[in-house]
Amino acid sequence: MKMRSLLHSAAIAVLFVSATVSMAQAGKLRAGAAKVDVSPTPSMFPFTNMQTYGSLHDPLFVRALVLDNGTTKLALVSCDSIHLPFGDELVKAVTDELKIPATQVIISATHDHNSPAGAGGFGLKSGGDKNPYFDILKKGIVDAVHQANAGLQPARIGFGTGKAYINTNRDEKIGEGYHMGYNPEGPSDKTVAVLLVTKPTGEPIAIYANYAVHSVVMYRTHTKDGQVQVTGDLGGAASAYIEDHFKGAVGLWTMAAAGDQNPLFMANYNQDAPDVVDEGPGGFVVLDELSRRVGEEIVRVTKNIQNTTDKAVLWGGATSVTCPGQQRAEPPAPGVPQAGWRGPAHVAMVDGKPVTIPLQLFMVNDIALTAVSGEVFTEIGEHVKHDSIFDRSFMVTMLTNGIGYIPTDKAYLWPSEKAITNAIKPGCSEPAIVGGFVQLEKSYLPIWQAAQ
């Protein structure tokens, strides 16, 4: 009864599920992983996109993991990027390369705010236009999946979790509303999830890591000649730490439900307050400490995973949920701050266009990888894990064609800065997303049971 009422209120529309009971079966696992440098070229500097960048501090990468059991192939791609515009084109490039359906491809961004992205900036008149960096990113994605697929080898796979305390809820009560700051008492998921792929002898091929935090340690920090530099930030540094520890392995960083989660420390803090502090080049010390701490936990979890198997049922499914929309009753006044501590605590909203939220589910045996095209608040991610049919579950966010922030109903009531003008009406997204993933898991359950 509870599930039936949830699905009714959420108005869930299942668009496509990629597999049937007759299609999926357990098979011997093969896996391959690769990483490709997708740093902007020296000739691109300086350029402006959210910030003005003067130079490159450390490389940006696309990292790919391909899993194959003889009948089904899954591709997981992580990009050191703030987001992934023109996502249909990026996904199609992978499906064309691997000859698999789109439901068997998950491309996610680390949400690195010190990256050029693939749209806007560079002096373009429209923020929605492709910029010169897009082709570098697209080629890197294709090259990475090509190399990973070419390197398929016998493999084993397992899963484990731990805890890291480098994130914090960022909805701080400032004035009448909740704005971006530090709220250590607020909801915050500290779970580190690790999908480990090894050779038959136990050496890691890839570590697919997941944690709820924005990669914004270095955001707005001026580190060289008074300018901001391009860097892989927290996700990139953590991946580098993993790869340095496990020589020859690829460390893929993914962002969990972190729409309301920032790093515990940032190199440029009190960003929206009058007493802003910019640590300058010293900010990279902050980044090193945070990335080491979460990297150490990923390494610890990886070493403790003992439940690996060389047999795998692989499955990919997709659905979407549609929620009532809303929009401003009046356009924002020119010259008036719309965010931060000077922004409004309340904004009048009226009915707007419905909002569709794409969802994907990858199943590797009884490991559920849920994936959302948006910045999901952390309690929604915890709710999805709690209601999952499977004990081993985690959420990846920031997929292609992201729809922006997806707040909890609680965040609308505070109100959170990211909820007051959100295009999604309160009351729908959380039960819709939870119910959508449960429905996808139910589609897979007979396949998993038949494989036992």
Protein backbone atom coordinates (compact mmCIF):
# COMPACT_ATOMS: atom_id res chain seq x y z
CA MET A 1 0.00 0.00 0.00
CA LYS A 2 2.81 2.41 0.86
CA MET A 3 4.58 1.82 -2.46
CA ARG A 4 1.33 2.10 -4.45
CA SER A 5 0.50 5.48 -2.90
CA LEU A 6 4.02 6.75 -3.50
CA LEU A 7 3.92 5.85 -7.17
CA HIS A 8 0.51 7.42 -7.62
CA SER A 9 1.46 10.74 -6.02
CA ALA A 10 4.74 10.97 -7.90
CA ALA A 11 3.25 10.52 -11.36
CA ILE A 12 6.04 8.24 -12.50
CA ALA A 13 6.35 7.49 -16.21
CA VAL A 14 8.57 4.55 -17.09
CA LEU A 15 10.02 5.24 -20.51
CA PHE A 16 12.33 2.35 -21.23
CA VAL A 17 13.90 -0.65 -19.57
CA SER A 18 16.80 -2.15 -21.44
CA ALA A 19 16.70 -5.83 -20.55
CA THR A 20 14.31 -8.74 -20.14
CA VAL A 21 14.57 -11.99 -18.21
CA SER A 22 15.45 -13.93 -21.36
CA MET A 23 18.29 -11.54 -22.32
CA ALA A 24 20.40 -11.44 -19.15
CA GLN A 25 22.47 -14.25 -17.74
CA ALA A 26 25.55 -14.65 -15.61
CA GLY A 27 28.83 -14.86 -17.44
CA LYS A 28 32.55 -14.70 -16.85
CA LEU A 29 33.49 -11.10 -16.18
CA ARG A 30 36.00 -9.17 -18.25
CA ALA A 31 36.92 -5.55 -17.55
CA GLY A 32 39.11 -2.79 -18.89
CA ALA A 33 39.90 0.72 -17.70
CA ALA A 34 41.69 3.73 -19.12
CA LYS A 35 42.24 7.44 -18.59
CA VAL A 36 42.83 10.18 -21.15
CA ASP A 37 44.15 13.70 -20.59
CA VAL A 38 41.52 16.29 -21.56
CA SER A 39 43.26 19.43 -20.32
CA PRO A 40 42.61 22.67 -22.20
CA THR A 41 45.48 23.50 -24.56
CA PRO A 42 47.90 26.35 -23.72
CA SER A 43 46.55 28.39 -26.65
CA MET A 44 43.11 28.50 -24.99
CA PHE A 45 44.36 30.57 -22.05
CA PRO A 46 43.25 32.95 -20.77
CA PHE A 47 39.54 32.16 -21.08
CA THR A 48 36.41 32.93 -19.11
CA ASN A 49 33.75 30.39 -18.17
CA MET A 50 32.21 31.06 -14.73
CA GLN A 51 35.68 32.30 -13.76
CA THR A 52 38.62 33.71 -15.71
CA TYR A 53 41.38 31.11 -15.95
CA GLY A 54 44.99 32.12 -16.53
CA SER A 55 46.74 28.74 -16.70
CA LEU A 56 46.65 25.01 -15.99
CA HIS A 57 47.72 23.80 -12.55
CA ASP A 58 47.18 20.06 -12.98
CA PRO A 59 45.73 17.90 -15.76
CA LEU A 60 42.07 17.09 -16.29
CA PHE A 61 41.15 13.52 -17.20
CA VAL A 62 38.38 11.37 -18.55
CA ARG A 63 38.42 7.95 -16.91
CA ALA A 64 36.48 4.96 -18.24
CA LEU A 65 35.60 1.50 -16.98
CA VAL A 66 34.05 -1.12 -19.29
CA LEU A 67 32.48 -4.31 -17.92
CA ASP A 68 31.58 -7.29 -20.18
CA ASN A 69 30.17 -10.71 -19.29
CA GLY A 70 29.88 -12.08 -22.83
CA THR A 71 26.26 -11.04 -23.34
CA THR A 72 26.06 -7.53 -21.88
CA LYS A 73 28.48 -4.63 -21.79
CA LEU A 74 28.33 -1.62 -19.43
CA ALA A 75 30.37 1.57 -19.75
CA LEU A 76 31.04 3.89 -16.80
CA VAL A 77 32.77 7.18 -17.55
CA SER A 78 33.92 9.88 -15.11
CA CYS A 79 34.95 13.32 -16.39
CA ASP A 80 36.86 16.06 -14.57
CA SER A 81 34.24 18.62 -15.56
CA ILE A 82 31.69 20.86 -13.88
CA HIS A 83 28.88 19.42 -16.01
CA LEU A 84 28.28 17.59 -19.31
CA PRO A 85 26.36 19.70 -21.85
CA PHE A 86 25.15 18.25 -25.15
CA GLY A 87 24.84 14.97 -23.32
CA ASP A 88 22.94 13.14 -26.04
CA GLU A 89 25.88 13.70 -28.38
CA LEU A 90 28.37 12.46 -25.77
CA VAL A 91 26.34 9.33 -25.01
CA LYS A 92 25.84 8.59 -28.71
CA ALA A 93 29.59 8.84 -29.26
CA VAL A 94 30.04 6.05 -26.69
CA THR A 95 27.20 3.89 -27.98
CA ASP A 96 28.59 4.19 -31.51
CA GLU A 97 32.05 3.22 -30.29
CA LEU A 98 30.95 0.22 -28.19
CA LYS A 99 27.81 -0.78 -30.17
CA ILE A 100 25.63 -0.83 -27.04
CA PRO A 101 22.36 0.94 -26.17
CA ALA A 102 22.33 4.23 -24.28
CA THR A 103 20.88 2.52 -21.20
CA GLN A 104 24.21 0.71 -20.81
CA VAL A 105 26.23 3.94 -20.66
CA ILE A 106 26.63 6.22 -17.63
CA ILE A 107 28.73 9.33 -18.11
CA SER A 108 29.10 11.53 -15.03
CA ALA A 109 30.95 14.72 -14.16
CA THR A 110 33.01 15.11 -11.00
CA HIS A 111 31.43 18.58 -10.79
CA ASP A 112 34.81 20.26 -10.76
CA HIS A 113 34.12 24.02 -10.69
CA ASN A 114 37.66 24.81 -11.85
CA SER A 115 37.20 23.19 -15.26
CA PRO A 116 36.20 24.78 -18.57
CA ALA A 117 33.09 22.65 -19.24
CA GLY A 118 31.93 22.27 -22.83
CA ALA A 119 29.46 25.09 -23.25
CA GLY A 120 29.41 28.85 -22.73
CA GLY A 121 32.25 31.21 -21.85
CA PHE A 122 35.14 31.84 -24.23
CA GLY A 123 33.44 35.05 -25.34
CA LEU A 124 30.41 33.24 -26.75
CA LYS A 125 27.22 35.29 -26.94
CA SER A 126 25.07 32.38 -25.74
CA GLY A 127 25.90 30.36 -22.66
CA GLY A 128 24.29 27.36 -24.34
CA ASP A 129 26.65 27.27 -27.32
CA LYS A 130 29.45 24.73 -27.63
CA ASN A 131 32.82 26.21 -26.78
CA PRO A 132 36.25 25.21 -28.16
CA TYR A 133 36.81 22.81 -25.27
CA PHE A 134 33.82 20.59 -26.09
CA ASP A 135 35.64 18.71 -28.86
CA ILE A 136 38.55 17.93 -26.51
CA LEU A 137 36.14 16.52 -23.92
CA LYS A 138 34.17 14.48 -26.47
CA LYS A 139 37.29 13.01 -28.07
CA GLY A 140 38.67 12.16 -24.63
CA ILE A 141 35.49 10.27 -23.72
CA VAL A 142 35.58 8.25 -26.94
CA ASP A 143 39.32 7.53 -26.64
CA ALA A 144 38.96 6.44 -23.01
CA VAL A 145 36.12 3.96 -23.67
CA HIS A 146 37.93 2.69 -26.77
CA GLN A 147 41.09 1.99 -24.77
CA ALA A 148 39.15 0.44 -21.89
CA ASN A 149 37.24 -1.82 -24.27
CA ALA A 150 40.42 -2.80 -26.11
CA GLY A 151 41.98 -3.74 -22.77
CA LEU A 152 39.25 -6.12 -21.60
CA GLN A 153 40.73 -8.92 -19.51
CA PRO A 154 39.46 -11.56 -17.06
CA ALA A 155 38.32 -9.78 -13.90
CA ARG A 156 36.66 -10.03 -10.52
CA ILE A 157 34.34 -7.48 -8.94
CA GLY A 158 33.31 -6.55 -5.41
CA PHE A 159 31.86 -3.75 -3.32
CA GLY A 160 32.54 -2.09 0.01
CA THR A 161 31.80 1.05 2.01
CA GLY A 162 33.47 3.24 4.61
CA LYS A 163 33.21 6.71 6.08
CA ALA A 164 35.05 9.97 5.47
CA TYR A 165 34.48 13.24 7.32
CA ILE A 166 35.55 15.83 4.78
CA ASN A 167 32.11 17.13 3.76
CA THR A 168 29.50 19.31 5.44
CA ASN A 169 25.98 20.46 4.80
CA ARG A 170 26.24 23.93 3.29
CA ASP A 171 22.77 25.37 4.01
CA GLU A 172 23.64 27.83 6.79
CA LYS A 173 21.06 30.10 8.44
CA ILE A 174 22.10 33.62 7.49
CA GLY A 175 19.48 36.30 8.04
CA GLU A 176 15.99 35.15 7.09
CA GLY A 177 17.04 32.27 4.86
CA TYR A 178 19.54 29.47 4.44
CA HIS A 179 22.45 30.38 2.18
CA MET A 180 25.66 28.70 1.09
CA GLY A 181 27.92 28.38 4.13
CA TYR A 182 28.68 25.79 6.83
CA ASN A 183 26.03 23.79 8.65
CA PRO A 184 27.83 20.94 10.45
CA GLU A 185 24.61 19.96 12.23
CA GLY A 186 22.69 19.59 8.96
CA PRO A 187 22.06 16.35 7.03
CA SER A 188 25.28 14.94 5.59
CA ASP A 189 26.04 11.47 4.23
CA LYS A 190 29.62 10.47 5.08
CA THR A 191 29.53 7.16 3.16
CA VAL A 192 32.40 6.25 0.87
CA ALA A 193 31.28 3.60 -1.64
CA VAL A 194 33.77 1.59 -3.69
CA LEU A 195 33.13 -0.68 -6.66
CA LEU A 196 36.37 -2.65 -7.02
CA VAL A 197 37.44 -4.43 -10.21
CA THR A 198 40.55 -6.60 -10.02
CA LYS A 199 42.57 -9.05 -12.05
CA PRO A 200 42.07 -12.73 -11.11
CA THR A 201 45.26 -12.40 -9.04
CA GLY A 202 43.78 -9.54 -7.01
CA GLU A 203 45.58 -6.49 -8.41
CA PRO A 204 43.13 -3.63 -8.98
CA ILE A 205 42.15 -2.75 -12.54
CA ALA A 206 39.80 0.04 -11.49
CA ILE A 207 38.40 1.62 -8.34
CA TYR A 208 35.05 3.32 -8.95
CA ALA A 209 34.66 5.58 -5.90
CA ASN A 210 31.64 7.56 -4.78
CA TYR A 211 31.25 10.32 -2.14
CA ALA A 212 28.82 13.17 -1.45
CA VAL A 213 30.75 16.42 -1.88
CA HIS A 214 31.13 19.24 -4.38
CA SER A 215 34.60 19.47 -6.00
CA VAL A 216 34.96 23.13 -5.06
CA VAL A 217 37.96 23.34 -2.72
CA MET A 218 39.72 25.70 -5.16
CA TYR A 219 36.67 27.51 -6.53
CA ARG A 220 37.31 31.27 -6.92
CA THR A 221 40.82 30.90 -5.49
CA HIS A 222 43.47 33.03 -7.20
CA THR A 223 46.63 30.95 -7.19
CA LYS A 224 48.99 32.27 -9.88
CA ASP A 225 49.61 35.85 -11.08
CA GLY A 226 46.36 36.91 -9.42
CA GLN A 227 44.33 34.50 -11.55
CA VAL A 228 42.35 31.30 -11.08
CA GLN A 229 43.89 28.10 -12.45
CA VAL A 230 42.29 25.02 -14.00
CA THR A 231 42.59 22.02 -11.67
CA GLY A 232 40.94 18.65 -11.17
CA ASP A 233 40.14 19.86 -7.65
CA LEU A 234 38.94 17.35 -5.04
CA GLY A 235 37.78 14.62 -7.42
CA GLY A 236 40.90 14.81 -9.53
CA ALA A 237 43.24 14.89 -6.54
CA ALA A 238 41.50 11.92 -4.90
CA SER A 239 41.72 9.93 -8.14
CA ALA A 240 45.43 10.77 -8.39
CA TYR A 241 45.94 9.57 -4.79
CA ILE A 242 44.22 6.25 -5.57
CA GLU A 243 46.24 5.76 -8.75
CA ASP A 244 49.48 6.59 -6.98
CA HIS A 245 48.73 3.95 -4.36
CA PHE A 246 47.53 1.23 -6.77
CA LYS A 247 50.03 1.50 -9.61
CA GLY A 248 48.47 0.70 -12.99
CA ALA A 249 44.88 1.00 -11.76
CA VAL A 250 42.40 3.69 -12.80
CA GLY A 251 40.62 5.59 -10.02
CA LEU A 252 37.24 6.93 -11.08
CA TRP A 253 35.70 9.59 -8.80
CA THR A 254 31.93 10.12 -8.83
CA MET A 255 29.74 12.56 -6.93
CA ALA A 256 27.01 11.07 -4.76
CA ALA A 257 23.91 12.99 -3.63
CA ALA A 258 25.78 16.22 -2.82
CA GLY A 259 23.45 19.01 -3.93
CA ASP A 260 23.71 20.47 -0.41
CA GLN A 261 27.23 19.24 0.46
CA ASN A 262 30.48 21.23 0.30
CA PRO A 263 34.03 20.37 1.40
CA LEU A 264 34.61 20.90 5.10
CA PHE A 265 37.34 23.40 4.22
CA MET A 266 37.66 25.57 1.13
CA ALA A 267 40.55 27.69 -0.12
CA ASN A 268 38.19 30.59 -0.75
CA TYR A 269 35.68 30.70 2.10
CA ASN A 270 32.89 33.01 3.18
CA GLN A 271 32.46 33.43 -0.57
CA ASP A 272 29.15 35.25 -0.32
CA ALA A 273 29.98 37.28 2.78
CA PRO A 274 31.73 40.65 3.07
CA ASP A 275 34.74 39.12 4.87
CA VAL A 276 35.72 36.67 2.11
CA VAL A 277 39.16 35.05 2.51
CA ASP A 278 41.20 33.82 -0.46
CA GLU A 279 44.08 31.52 0.55
CA GLY A 280 45.80 31.92 -2.83
CA PRO A 281 48.47 29.28 -3.67
CA GLY A 282 48.20 27.98 -0.10
CA GLY A 283 44.78 26.64 -1.05
CA PHE A 284 46.44 23.66 -2.67
CA VAL A 285 47.61 22.58 0.80
CA VAL A 286 43.94 22.47 1.84
CA LEU A 287 43.12 20.46 -1.28
CA ASP A 288 45.96 18.03 -0.61
CA GLU A 289 44.83 17.37 2.96
CA LEU A 290 41.17 16.76 2.04
CA SER A 291 41.96 14.58 -0.98
CA ARG A 292 44.44 12.55 1.07
CA ARG A 293 41.87 11.94 3.80
CA VAL A 294 39.15 10.70 1.48
CA GLY A 295 41.75 8.92 -0.67
CA GLU A 296 43.08 7.07 2.37
CA GLU A 297 39.58 5.85 3.18
CA ILE A 298 39.00 4.70 -0.40
CA VAL A 299 42.29 2.79 -0.26
CA ARG A 300 41.36 1.26 3.11
CA VAL A 301 37.93 0.15 1.85
CA THR A 302 39.49 -1.22 -1.34
CA LYS A 303 41.97 -3.35 0.59
CA ASN A 304 39.21 -4.73 2.82
CA ILE A 305 36.95 -5.91 -0.01
CA GLN A 306 37.05 -9.71 0.05
CA ASN A 307 33.72 -10.58 -1.59
CA THR A 308 34.87 -10.44 -5.20
CA THR A 309 33.50 -12.75 -7.89
CA ASP A 310 34.42 -13.54 -11.48
CA LYS A 311 30.82 -14.23 -12.50
CA ALA A 312 28.49 -11.32 -13.18
CA VAL A 313 24.99 -10.52 -14.28
CA LEU A 314 25.17 -7.09 -15.94
CA TRP A 315 22.07 -5.02 -16.59
CA GLY A 316 21.17 -1.44 -17.44
CA GLY A 317 17.77 0.20 -17.24
CA ALA A 318 16.37 3.70 -17.55
CA THR A 319 13.22 5.57 -16.63
CA SER A 320 12.13 9.12 -16.01
CA VAL A 321 9.90 10.81 -13.46
CA THR A 322 7.90 13.94 -14.14
CA CYS A 323 7.03 16.49 -11.47
CA PRO A 324 4.87 19.64 -11.52
CA GLY A 325 6.94 22.73 -12.23
CA GLN A 326 7.02 26.30 -10.98
CA GLN A 327 8.51 29.64 -11.99
CA ARG A 328 8.93 33.14 -10.63
CA ALA A 329 5.77 35.17 -10.43
CA GLU A 330 7.86 38.19 -11.47
CA PRO A 331 11.28 38.36 -13.17
CA PRO A 332 14.20 39.26 -10.90
CA ALA A 333 14.83 42.97 -10.50
CA PRO A 334 17.90 44.20 -12.41
CA GLY A 335 20.95 44.77 -10.26
CA VAL A 336 19.46 43.07 -7.18
CA PRO A 337 21.45 40.07 -5.82
CA GLN A 338 19.58 36.82 -6.34
CA ALA A 339 21.83 34.49 -4.34
CA GLY A 340 24.11 34.50 -1.33
CA TRP A 341 23.53 36.25 1.97
CA ARG A 342 22.30 39.38 0.18
CA GLY A 343 19.79 37.44 -1.91
CA PRO A 344 16.08 37.10 -1.07
CA ALA A 345 14.90 34.59 1.50
CA HIS A 346 11.49 34.24 -0.17
CA VAL A 347 10.40 34.54 -3.81
CA ALA A 348 6.80 34.37 -5.05
CA MET A 349 6.32 31.40 -7.40
CA VAL A 350 3.52 30.34 -9.76
CA ASP A 351 2.82 27.20 -11.79
CA GLY A 352 5.39 26.43 -14.48
CA LYS A 353 6.22 23.71 -16.99
CA PRO A 354 6.50 20.14 -15.70
CA VAL A 355 10.05 18.97 -15.02
CA THR A 356 11.29 15.56 -16.17
CA ILE A 357 14.09 13.90 -14.19
CA PRO A 358 16.03 11.15 -16.05
CA LEU A 359 17.07 8.13 -13.97
CA GLN A 360 19.37 5.21 -14.77
CA LEU A 361 20.11 1.98 -12.96
CA PHE A 362 23.10 -0.30 -13.46
CA MET A 363 23.01 -3.70 -11.79
CA VAL A 364 26.15 -5.78 -11.27
CA ASN A 365 24.83 -8.93 -9.61
CA ASP A 366 23.16 -7.52 -6.46
CA ILE A 367 25.05 -4.20 -6.52
CA ALA A 368 22.70 -1.35 -7.47
CA LEU A 369 24.22 1.77 -9.01
CA THR A 370 21.47 4.40 -9.16
CA ALA A 371 22.18 7.46 -11.29
CA VAL A 372 20.44 10.85 -11.59
CA SER A 373 20.90 13.71 -14.05
CA GLY A 374 20.97 16.48 -11.46
CA GLU A 375 22.36 17.78 -8.17
CA VAL A 376 20.43 15.69 -5.66
CA PHE A 377 20.22 16.76 -2.02
CA THR A 378 21.84 14.23 0.30
CA GLU A 379 18.73 13.01 2.13
CA ILE A 380 17.15 11.94 -1.16
CA GLY A 381 20.22 9.80 -1.85
CA GLU A 382 19.96 8.25 1.60
CA HIS A 383 16.24 7.61 1.06
CA VAL A 384 16.97 5.80 -2.22
CA LYS A 385 19.54 3.57 -0.50
CA HIS A 386 17.20 2.89 2.42
CA ASP A 387 14.30 1.83 0.19
CA SER A 388 16.40 -0.15 -2.28
CA ILE A 389 15.55 -3.81 -2.72
CA PHE A 390 19.28 -4.51 -2.61
CA ASP A 391 21.53 -4.04 0.42
CA ARG A 392 24.47 -2.88 -1.70
CA SER A 393 23.40 0.38 -3.29
CA PHE A 394 24.87 3.82 -4.05
CA MET A 395 23.95 6.89 -6.09
CA VAL A 396 25.92 8.68 -8.80
CA THR A 397 24.80 12.17 -9.81
CA MET A 398 25.82 14.83 -12.36
CA LEU A 399 25.03 12.74 -15.43
CA THR A 400 24.69 14.22 -18.90
CA ASN A 401 21.88 16.73 -19.53
CA GLY A 402 21.58 17.65 -15.86
CA ILE A 403 18.45 19.47 -14.76
CA GLY A 404 20.04 21.37 -11.86
CA TYR A 405 19.33 21.14 -8.14
CA ILE A 406 16.84 18.60 -6.77
CA PRO A 407 16.06 19.69 -3.18
CA THR A 408 14.21 17.84 -0.44
CA ASP A 409 10.81 19.14 0.68
CA LYS A 410 12.51 20.20 3.91
CA ALA A 411 14.82 22.48 1.93
CA TYR A 412 11.84 24.36 0.46
CA LEU A 413 10.53 25.04 3.98
CA TRP A 414 13.76 26.48 5.42
CA PRO A 415 14.05 27.88 2.66
CA SER A 416 17.35 26.78 1.08
CA GLU A 417 18.92 29.16 -1.41
CA LYS A 418 18.77 26.38 -4.03
CA ALA A 419 15.08 25.69 -3.39
CA ILE A 420 13.41 29.09 -3.30
CA THR A 421 13.39 29.51 -7.10
CA ASN A 422 13.75 25.84 -8.06
CA ALA A 423 11.85 24.81 -11.19
CA ILE A 424 10.45 21.72 -9.41
CA LYS A 425 7.42 22.19 -7.16
CA PRO A 426 7.87 20.78 -3.65
CA GLY A 427 6.17 17.49 -2.78
CA CYS A 428 7.14 15.39 -5.78
CA SER A 429 10.80 14.81 -6.56
CA GLU A 430 11.84 12.75 -3.53
CA PRO A 431 9.03 10.14 -3.61
CA ALA A 432 9.18 10.11 -7.41
CA ILE A 433 12.90 9.38 -7.55
CA VAL A 434 12.72 6.75 -4.79
CA GLY A 435 9.73 5.08 -6.42
CA GLY A 436 11.30 5.21 -9.86
CA PHE A 437 14.38 3.34 -8.72
CA VAL A 438 12.34 0.75 -6.83
CA GLN A 439 10.38 0.08 -10.03
CA LEU A 440 13.59 -0.34 -12.02
CA GLU A 441 14.97 -2.70 -9.38
CA LYS A 442 11.77 -4.73 -9.54
CA SER A 443 12.30 -5.06 -13.30
CA TYR A 444 15.73 -6.53 -12.68
CA LEU A 445 14.87 -8.73 -9.67
CA PRO A 446 13.51 -11.71 -11.69
CA ILE A 447 16.67 -11.62 -13.82
CA TRP A 448 18.88 -11.81 -10.72
CA GLN A 449 16.74 -14.54 -9.17
CA ALA A 450 16.85 -16.60 -12.37
CA ALA A 451 20.65 -16.39 -12.39
CA GLN A 452 21.01 -17.92 -8.91
